[in-house]
Amino acid sequence: MKTITIKLPDFLNASLDATAASRKQTKSAIVRDLLIAAMPAHSEPGKKARPSLHERLQKYQGAGATGVKDLASNPKHLSGYGR
């Protein structure tokens, strides 16, 4: 594992100290967990990244009763709407 050095403002360092004490973890472990959560696409090798909500819901796009994907944006589908 590589070692890095970061500069934190006093308030952030104090918050990290308090969190480390309450969780009984090292500051390194907390920062590591936060970095992994912030960059899921760059997680451990061999570990599959979780798909985004957009990717998970793509199969439902255009799944309305009409099956027309551009129903709300294409002017030809909106003619006569609201009359």
PDB file of N, CA and C in Angstrom:
ATOM      1  N   MET A   1       0.844  -1.168   0.000  1.00  0.00           N
ATOM      2  CA  MET A   1       0.000   0.000   0.000  1.00  0.00           C
ATOM      3  C   MET A   1       0.894   1.237   0.000  1.00  0.00           C
ATOM      4  N   LYS A   2       0.540   2.232  -0.799  1.00  0.00           N
ATOM      5  CA  LYS A   2       1.299   3.476  -0.896  1.00  0.00           C
ATOM      6  C   LYS A   2       0.895   4.428   0.225  1.00  0.00           C
ATOM      7  N   THR A   3       1.809   5.320   0.584  1.00  0.00           N
ATOM      8  CA  THR A   3       1.546   6.357   1.574  1.00  0.00           C
ATOM      9  C   THR A   3       1.509   7.702   0.864  1.00  0.00           C
ATOM     10  N   ILE A   4       0.492   8.520   1.195  1.00  0.00           N
ATOM     11  CA  ILE A   4       0.406   9.864   0.636  1.00  0.00           C
ATOM     12  C   ILE A   4       0.299  10.871   1.779  1.00  0.00           C
ATOM     13  N   THR A   5       0.555  12.125   1.472  1.00  0.00           N
ATOM     14  CA  THR A   5       0.416  13.200   2.444  1.00  0.00           C
ATOM     15  C   THR A   5      -0.605  14.186   1.903  1.00  0.00           C
ATOM     16  N   ILE A   6      -1.549  14.589   2.760  1.00  0.00           N
ATOM     17  CA  ILE A   6      -2.536  15.586   2.344  1.00  0.00           C
ATOM     18  C   ILE A   6      -2.558  16.719   3.358  1.00  0.00           C
ATOM     19  N   LYS A   7      -2.990  17.880   2.913  1.00  0.00           N
ATOM     20  CA  LYS A   7      -3.132  19.033   3.794  1.00  0.00           C
ATOM     21  C   LYS A   7      -4.616  19.255   4.035  1.00  0.00           C
ATOM     22  N   LEU A   8      -5.003  19.344   5.313  1.00  0.00           N
ATOM     23  CA  LEU A   8      -6.397  19.547   5.679  1.00  0.00           C
ATOM     24  C   LEU A   8      -6.537  20.838   6.474  1.00  0.00           C
ATOM     25  N   PRO A   9      -7.640  21.557   6.290  1.00  0.00           N
ATOM     26  CA  PRO A   9      -7.899  22.703   7.161  1.00  0.00           C
ATOM     27  C   PRO A   9      -8.155  22.198   8.585  1.00  0.00           C
ATOM     28  N   ASP A  10      -7.949  23.066   9.564  1.00  0.00           N
ATOM     29  CA  ASP A  10      -8.080  22.667  10.969  1.00  0.00           C
ATOM     30  C   ASP A  10      -9.436  22.037  11.284  1.00  0.00           C
ATOM     31  N   PHE A  11     -10.523  22.635  10.756  1.00  0.00           N
ATOM     32  CA  PHE A  11     -11.852  22.104  11.074  1.00  0.00           C
ATOM     33  C   PHE A  11     -12.041  20.691  10.525  1.00  0.00           C
ATOM     34  N   LEU A  12     -11.478  20.413   9.359  1.00  0.00           N
ATOM     35  CA  LEU A  12     -11.620  19.088   8.757  1.00  0.00           C
ATOM     36  C   LEU A  12     -10.773  18.060   9.501  1.00  0.00           C
ATOM     37  N   ASN A  13      -9.595  18.464   9.924  1.00  0.00           N
ATOM     38  CA  ASN A  13      -8.744  17.570  10.704  1.00  0.00           C
ATOM     39  C   ASN A  13      -9.403  17.243  12.043  1.00  0.00           C
ATOM     40  N   ALA A  14     -10.022  18.252  12.679  1.00  0.00           N
ATOM     41  CA  ALA A  14     -10.712  18.017  13.951  1.00  0.00           C
ATOM     42  C   ALA A  14     -11.886  17.063  13.756  1.00  0.00           C
ATOM     43  N   SER A  15     -12.612  17.239  12.663  1.00  0.00           N
ATOM     44  CA  SER A  15     -13.736  16.354  12.366  1.00  0.00           C
ATOM     45  C   SER A  15     -13.259  14.929  12.112  1.00  0.00           C
ATOM     46  N   LEU A  16     -12.149  14.801  11.404  1.00  0.00           N
ATOM     47  CA  LEU A  16     -11.580  13.481  11.135  1.00  0.00           C
ATOM     48  C   LEU A  16     -11.101  12.822  12.420  1.00  0.00           C
ATOM     49  N   ASP A  17     -10.473  13.600  13.307  1.00  0.00           N
ATOM     50  CA  ASP A  17     -10.041  13.077  14.611  1.00  0.00           C
ATOM     51  C   ASP A  17     -11.229  12.557  15.412  1.00  0.00           C
ATOM     52  N   ALA A  18     -12.304  13.353  15.461  1.00  0.00           N
ATOM     53  CA  ALA A  18     -13.490  12.960  16.232  1.00  0.00           C
ATOM     54  C   ALA A  18     -14.140  11.708  15.645  1.00  0.00           C
ATOM     55  N   THR A  19     -14.220  11.642  14.325  1.00  0.00           N
ATOM     56  CA  THR A  19     -14.810  10.471  13.671  1.00  0.00           C
ATOM     57  C   THR A  19     -13.971   9.229  13.923  1.00  0.00           C
ATOM     58  N   ALA A  20     -12.658   9.377  13.838  1.00  0.00           N
ATOM     59  CA  ALA A  20     -11.761   8.239  14.082  1.00  0.00           C
ATOM     60  C   ALA A  20     -11.899   7.735  15.508  1.00  0.00           C
ATOM     61  N   ALA A  21     -12.019   8.653  16.454  1.00  0.00           N
ATOM     62  CA  ALA A  21     -12.160   8.253  17.857  1.00  0.00           C
ATOM     63  C   ALA A  21     -13.495   7.557  18.098  1.00  0.00           C
ATOM     64  N   SER A  22     -14.572   8.090  17.519  1.00  0.00           N
ATOM     65  CA  SER A  22     -15.889   7.491  17.756  1.00  0.00           C
ATOM     66  C   SER A  22     -16.036   6.125  17.091  1.00  0.00           C
ATOM     67  N   ARG A  23     -15.394   5.932  15.947  1.00  0.00           N
ATOM     68  CA  ARG A  23     -15.473   4.645  15.243  1.00  0.00           C
ATOM     69  C   ARG A  23     -14.381   3.668  15.658  1.00  0.00           C
ATOM     70  N   LYS A  24     -13.428   4.160  16.436  1.00  0.00           N
ATOM     71  CA  LYS A  24     -12.276   3.351  16.858  1.00  0.00           C
ATOM     72  C   LYS A  24     -11.529   2.808  15.638  1.00  0.00           C
ATOM     73  N   GLN A  25     -11.305   3.712  14.677  1.00  0.00           N
ATOM     74  CA  GLN A  25     -10.558   3.396  13.463  1.00  0.00           C
ATOM     75  C   GLN A  25      -9.446   4.427  13.309  1.00  0.00           C
ATOM     76  N   THR A  26      -8.494   4.112  12.472  1.00  0.00           N
ATOM     77  CA  THR A  26      -7.452   5.087  12.182  1.00  0.00           C
ATOM     78  C   THR A  26      -7.993   6.116  11.190  1.00  0.00           C
ATOM     79  N   LYS A  27      -7.356   7.271  11.177  1.00  0.00           N
ATOM     80  CA  LYS A  27      -7.746   8.297  10.210  1.00  0.00           C
ATOM     81  C   LYS A  27      -7.515   7.783   8.790  1.00  0.00           C
ATOM     82  N   SER A  28      -6.463   7.013   8.604  1.00  0.00           N
ATOM     83  CA  SER A  28      -6.174   6.449   7.279  1.00  0.00           C
ATOM     84  C   SER A  28      -7.311   5.555   6.793  1.00  0.00           C
ATOM     85  N   ALA A  29      -7.832   4.722   7.682  1.00  0.00           N
ATOM     86  CA  ALA A  29      -8.916   3.811   7.299  1.00  0.00           C
ATOM     87  C   ALA A  29     -10.169   4.586   6.905  1.00  0.00           C
ATOM     88  N   ILE A  30     -10.457   5.654   7.630  1.00  0.00           N
ATOM     89  CA  ILE A  30     -11.645   6.451   7.321  1.00  0.00           C
ATOM     90  C   ILE A  30     -11.478   7.146   5.975  1.00  0.00           C
ATOM     91  N   VAL A  31     -10.325   7.763   5.748  1.00  0.00           N
ATOM     92  CA  VAL A  31     -10.077   8.441   4.477  1.00  0.00           C
ATOM     93  C   VAL A  31     -10.106   7.440   3.330  1.00  0.00           C
ATOM     94  N   ARG A  32      -9.538   6.261   3.523  1.00  0.00           N
ATOM     95  CA  ARG A  32      -9.533   5.219   2.494  1.00  0.00           C
ATOM     96  C   ARG A  32     -10.968   4.818   2.137  1.00  0.00           C
ATOM     97  N   ASP A  33     -11.809   4.594   3.160  1.00  0.00           N
ATOM     98  CA  ASP A  33     -13.205   4.222   2.912  1.00  0.00           C
ATOM     99  C   ASP A  33     -13.953   5.317   2.158  1.00  0.00           C
ATOM    100  N   LEU A  34     -13.696   6.571   2.526  1.00  0.00           N
ATOM    101  CA  LEU A  34     -14.357   7.685   1.851  1.00  0.00           C
ATOM    102  C   LEU A  34     -13.912   7.807   0.399  1.00  0.00           C
ATOM    103  N   LEU A  35     -12.640   7.584   0.144  1.00  0.00           N
ATOM    104  CA  LEU A  35     -12.143   7.637  -1.232  1.00  0.00           C
ATOM    105  C   LEU A  35     -12.734   6.523  -2.084  1.00  0.00           C
ATOM    106  N   ILE A  36     -12.837   5.337  -1.533  1.00  0.00           N
ATOM    107  CA  ILE A  36     -13.435   4.214  -2.269  1.00  0.00           C
ATOM    108  C   ILE A  36     -14.901   4.509  -2.584  1.00  0.00           C
ATOM    109  N   ALA A  37     -15.623   5.086  -1.609  1.00  0.00           N
ATOM    110  CA  ALA A  37     -17.030   5.422  -1.835  1.00  0.00           C
ATOM    111  C   ALA A  37     -17.183   6.535  -2.863  1.00  0.00           C
ATOM    112  N   ALA A  38     -16.234   7.475  -2.889  1.00  0.00           N
ATOM    113  CA  ALA A  38     -16.318   8.606  -3.816  1.00  0.00           C
ATOM    114  C   ALA A  38     -15.914   8.229  -5.230  1.00  0.00           C
ATOM    115  N   MET A  39     -15.140   7.178  -5.385  1.00  0.00           N
ATOM    116  CA  MET A  39     -14.653   6.781  -6.709  1.00  0.00           C
ATOM    117  C   MET A  39     -14.940   5.305  -6.965  1.00  0.00           C
ATOM    118  N   PRO A  40     -16.233   4.923  -7.063  1.00  0.00           N
ATOM    119  CA  PRO A  40     -16.556   3.503  -7.216  1.00  0.00           C
ATOM    120  C   PRO A  40     -16.014   2.873  -8.491  1.00  0.00           C
ATOM    121  N   ALA A  41     -15.829   3.657  -9.524  1.00  0.00           N
ATOM    122  CA  ALA A  41     -15.313   3.096 -10.775  1.00  0.00           C
ATOM    123  C   ALA A  41     -13.850   2.704 -10.650  1.00  0.00           C
ATOM    124  N   HIS A  42     -13.188   3.249  -9.645  1.00  0.00           N
ATOM    125  CA  HIS A  42     -11.767   2.975  -9.454  1.00  0.00           C
ATOM    126  C   HIS A  42     -11.544   2.147  -8.193  1.00  0.00           C
ATOM    127  N   SER A  43     -12.447   1.230  -7.908  1.00  0.00           N
ATOM    128  CA  SER A  43     -12.313   0.403  -6.714  1.00  0.00           C
ATOM    129  C   SER A  43     -11.269  -0.688  -6.940  1.00  0.00           C
ATOM    130  N   GLU A  44     -11.197  -1.595  -6.022  1.00  0.00           N
ATOM    131  CA  GLU A  44     -10.181  -2.648  -6.072  1.00  0.00           C
ATOM    132  C   GLU A  44     -10.241  -3.423  -7.386  1.00  0.00           C
ATOM    133  N   PRO A  45      -9.081  -3.820  -7.903  1.00  0.00           N
ATOM    134  CA  PRO A  45      -9.072  -4.636  -9.123  1.00  0.00           C
ATOM    135  C   PRO A  45      -9.826  -5.946  -8.897  1.00  0.00           C
ATOM    136  N   GLY A  46     -10.587  -6.348  -9.875  1.00  0.00           N
ATOM    137  CA  GLY A  46     -11.342  -7.588  -9.765  1.00  0.00           C
ATOM    138  C   GLY A  46     -12.693  -7.406  -9.104  1.00  0.00           C
ATOM    139  N   LYS A  47     -12.920  -6.251  -8.503  1.00  0.00           N
ATOM    140  CA  LYS A  47     -14.190  -5.986  -7.851  1.00  0.00           C
ATOM    141  C   LYS A  47     -15.066  -5.217  -8.831  1.00  0.00           C
ATOM    142  N   LYS A  48     -16.224  -5.756  -9.159  1.00  0.00           N
ATOM    143  CA  LYS A  48     -17.096  -5.151 -10.152  1.00  0.00           C
ATOM    144  C   LYS A  48     -17.714  -3.873  -9.590  1.00  0.00           C
ATOM    145  N   ALA A  49     -17.629  -2.785 -10.365  1.00  0.00           N
ATOM    146  CA  ALA A  49     -18.216  -1.514  -9.956  1.00  0.00           C
ATOM    147  C   ALA A  49     -19.737  -1.611 -10.041  1.00  0.00           C
ATOM    148  N   ARG A  50     -20.414  -1.014  -9.085  1.00  0.00           N
ATOM    149  CA  ARG A  50     -21.866  -1.020  -9.060  1.00  0.00           C
ATOM    150  C   ARG A  50     -22.389  -0.079 -10.147  1.00  0.00           C
ATOM    151  N   PRO A  51     -23.349  -0.518 -10.953  1.00  0.00           N
ATOM    152  CA  PRO A  51     -23.871   0.355 -12.004  1.00  0.00           C
ATOM    153  C   PRO A  51     -24.634   1.534 -11.402  1.00  0.00           C
ATOM    154  N   SER A  52     -24.638   2.647 -12.117  1.00  0.00           N
ATOM    155  CA  SER A  52     -25.343   3.835 -11.645  1.00  0.00           C
ATOM    156  C   SER A  52     -26.854   3.611 -11.748  1.00  0.00           C
ATOM    157  N   LEU A  53     -27.613   4.488 -11.106  1.00  0.00           N
ATOM    158  CA  LEU A  53     -29.068   4.388 -11.171  1.00  0.00           C
ATOM    159  C   LEU A  53     -29.546   4.533 -12.613  1.00  0.00           C
ATOM    160  N   HIS A  54     -28.932   5.445 -13.343  1.00  0.00           N
ATOM    161  CA  HIS A  54     -29.296   5.630 -14.754  1.00  0.00           C
ATOM    162  C   HIS A  54     -29.095   4.336 -15.543  1.00  0.00           C
ATOM    163  N   GLU A  55     -27.966   3.685 -15.335  1.00  0.00           N
ATOM    164  CA  GLU A  55     -27.693   2.430 -16.045  1.00  0.00           C
ATOM    165  C   GLU A  55     -28.684   1.339 -15.658  1.00  0.00           C
ATOM    166  N   ARG A  56     -29.060   1.294 -14.381  1.00  0.00           N
ATOM    167  CA  ARG A  56     -29.999   0.264 -13.932  1.00  0.00           C
ATOM    168  C   ARG A  56     -31.411   0.490 -14.453  1.00  0.00           C
ATOM    169  N   LEU A  57     -31.775   1.748 -14.712  1.00  0.00           N
ATOM    170  CA  LEU A  57     -33.136   2.037 -15.153  1.00  0.00           C
ATOM    171  C   LEU A  57     -33.282   2.160 -16.665  1.00  0.00           C
ATOM    172  N   GLN A  58     -32.200   2.025 -17.412  1.00  0.00           N
ATOM    173  CA  GLN A  58     -32.271   2.160 -18.867  1.00  0.00           C
ATOM    174  C   GLN A  58     -33.229   1.163 -19.506  1.00  0.00           C
ATOM    175  N   LYS A  59     -33.346  -0.011 -18.942  1.00  0.00           N
ATOM    176  CA  LYS A  59     -34.229  -1.011 -19.554  1.00  0.00           C
ATOM    177  C   LYS A  59     -35.701  -0.604 -19.480  1.00  0.00           C
ATOM    178  N   TYR A  60     -36.031   0.377 -18.612  1.00  0.00           N
ATOM    179  CA  TYR A  60     -37.414   0.820 -18.483  1.00  0.00           C
ATOM    180  C   TYR A  60     -37.723   2.056 -19.326  1.00  0.00           C
ATOM    181  N   GLN A  61     -36.740   2.622 -19.997  1.00  0.00           N
ATOM    182  CA  GLN A  61     -36.985   3.799 -20.827  1.00  0.00           C
ATOM    183  C   GLN A  61     -37.907   3.434 -21.977  1.00  0.00           C
ATOM    184  N   GLY A  62     -38.900   4.269 -22.182  1.00  0.00           N
ATOM    185  CA  GLY A  62     -39.837   4.032 -23.273  1.00  0.00           C
ATOM    186  C   GLY A  62     -40.763   2.865 -23.029  1.00  0.00           C
ATOM    187  N   ALA A  63     -40.930   2.479 -21.776  1.00  0.00           N
ATOM    188  CA  ALA A  63     -41.738   1.302 -21.473  1.00  0.00           C
ATOM    189  C   ALA A  63     -43.184   1.655 -21.162  1.00  0.00           C
ATOM    190  N   GLY A  64     -43.606   2.888 -21.506  1.00  0.00           N
ATOM    191  CA  GLY A  64     -44.984   3.285 -21.257  1.00  0.00           C
ATOM    192  C   GLY A  64     -45.946   2.512 -22.140  1.00  0.00           C
ATOM    193  N   ALA A  65     -47.220   2.813 -22.011  1.00  0.00           N
ATOM    194  CA  ALA A  65     -48.254   2.090 -22.754  1.00  0.00           C
ATOM    195  C   ALA A  65     -48.085   2.229 -24.259  1.00  0.00           C
ATOM    196  N   THR A  66     -47.564   3.385 -24.724  1.00  0.00           N
ATOM    197  CA  THR A  66     -47.437   3.594 -26.165  1.00  0.00           C
ATOM    198  C   THR A  66     -46.174   2.971 -26.727  1.00  0.00           C
ATOM    199  N   GLY A  67     -45.137   2.878 -25.918  1.00  0.00           N
ATOM    200  CA  GLY A  67     -43.867   2.363 -26.392  1.00  0.00           C
ATOM    201  C   GLY A  67     -43.077   3.384 -27.202  1.00  0.00           C
ATOM    202  N   VAL A  68     -43.571   4.630 -27.277  1.00  0.00           N
ATOM    203  CA  VAL A  68     -42.902   5.692 -28.026  1.00  0.00           C
ATOM    204  C   VAL A  68     -41.940   6.401 -27.086  1.00  0.00           C
ATOM    205  N   LYS A  69     -40.630   6.360 -27.403  1.00  0.00           N
ATOM    206  CA  LYS A  69     -39.629   6.918 -26.498  1.00  0.00           C
ATOM    207  C   LYS A  69     -39.624   8.438 -26.456  1.00  0.00           C
ATOM    208  N   ASP A  70     -39.982   9.110 -27.548  1.00  0.00           N
ATOM    209  CA  ASP A  70     -39.916  10.572 -27.576  1.00  0.00           C
ATOM    210  C   ASP A  70     -41.302  11.207 -27.470  1.00  0.00           C
ATOM    211  N   LEU A  71     -42.202  10.570 -26.764  1.00  0.00           N
ATOM    212  CA  LEU A  71     -43.594  11.008 -26.683  1.00  0.00           C
ATOM    213  C   LEU A  71     -43.731  12.431 -26.149  1.00  0.00           C
ATOM    214  N   ALA A  72     -42.966  12.801 -25.144  1.00  0.00           N
ATOM    215  CA  ALA A  72     -43.109  14.118 -24.525  1.00  0.00           C
ATOM    216  C   ALA A  72     -42.285  15.195 -25.202  1.00  0.00           C
ATOM    217  N   SER A  73     -41.368  14.839 -26.076  1.00  0.00           N
ATOM    218  CA  SER A  73     -40.487  15.853 -26.658  1.00  0.00           C
ATOM    219  C   SER A  73     -40.684  16.070 -28.152  1.00  0.00           C
ATOM    220  N   ASN A  74     -41.307  15.175 -28.835  1.00  0.00           N
ATOM    221  CA  ASN A  74     -41.475  15.303 -30.281  1.00  0.00           C
ATOM    222  C   ASN A  74     -42.790  16.035 -30.567  1.00  0.00           C
ATOM    223  N   PRO A  75     -42.715  17.194 -31.260  1.00  0.00           N
ATOM    224  CA  PRO A  75     -43.922  17.990 -31.521  1.00  0.00           C
ATOM    225  C   PRO A  75     -45.026  17.232 -32.263  1.00  0.00           C
ATOM    226  N   LYS A  76     -44.673  16.276 -33.101  1.00  0.00           N
ATOM    227  CA  LYS A  76     -45.724  15.566 -33.849  1.00  0.00           C
ATOM    228  C   LYS A  76     -46.611  14.739 -32.915  1.00  0.00           C
ATOM    229  N   HIS A  77     -46.086  14.315 -31.766  1.00  0.00           N
ATOM    230  CA  HIS A  77     -46.886  13.555 -30.805  1.00  0.00           C
ATOM    231  C   HIS A  77     -47.720  14.477 -29.920  1.00  0.00           C
ATOM    232  N   LEU A  78     -47.373  15.770 -29.897  1.00  0.00           N
ATOM    233  CA  LEU A  78     -48.055  16.710 -29.014  1.00  0.00           C
ATOM    234  C   LEU A  78     -49.173  17.485 -29.712  1.00  0.00           C
ATOM    235  N   SER A  79     -49.374  17.274 -31.000  1.00  0.00           N
ATOM    236  CA  SER A  79     -50.441  18.006 -31.696  1.00  0.00           C
ATOM    237  C   SER A  79     -51.794  17.590 -31.120  1.00  0.00           C
ATOM    238  N   GLY A  80     -52.585  18.585 -30.776  1.00  0.00           N
ATOM    239  CA  GLY A  80     -53.903  18.315 -30.214  1.00  0.00           C
ATOM    240  C   GLY A  80     -53.901  18.092 -28.715  1.00  0.00           C
ATOM    241  N   TYR A  81     -52.730  18.116 -28.095  1.00  0.00           N
ATOM    242  CA  TYR A  81     -52.663  17.897 -26.642  1.00  0.00           C
ATOM    243  C   TYR A  81     -53.262  19.093 -25.910  1.00  0.00           C
ATOM    244  N   GLY A  82     -54.098  18.874 -24.954  1.00  0.00           N
ATOM    245  CA  GLY A  82     -54.687  19.930 -24.139  1.00  0.00           C
ATOM    246  C   GLY A  82     -55.955  20.538 -24.712  1.00  0.00           C
ATOM    247  N   ARG A  83     -56.442  20.008 -25.784  1.00  0.00           N
ATOM    248  CA  ARG A  83     -57.684  20.549 -26.375  1.00  0.00           C
ATOM    249  C   ARG A  83     -58.884  19.842 -25.821  1.00  0.00           C
TER     250      ARG A  83
END
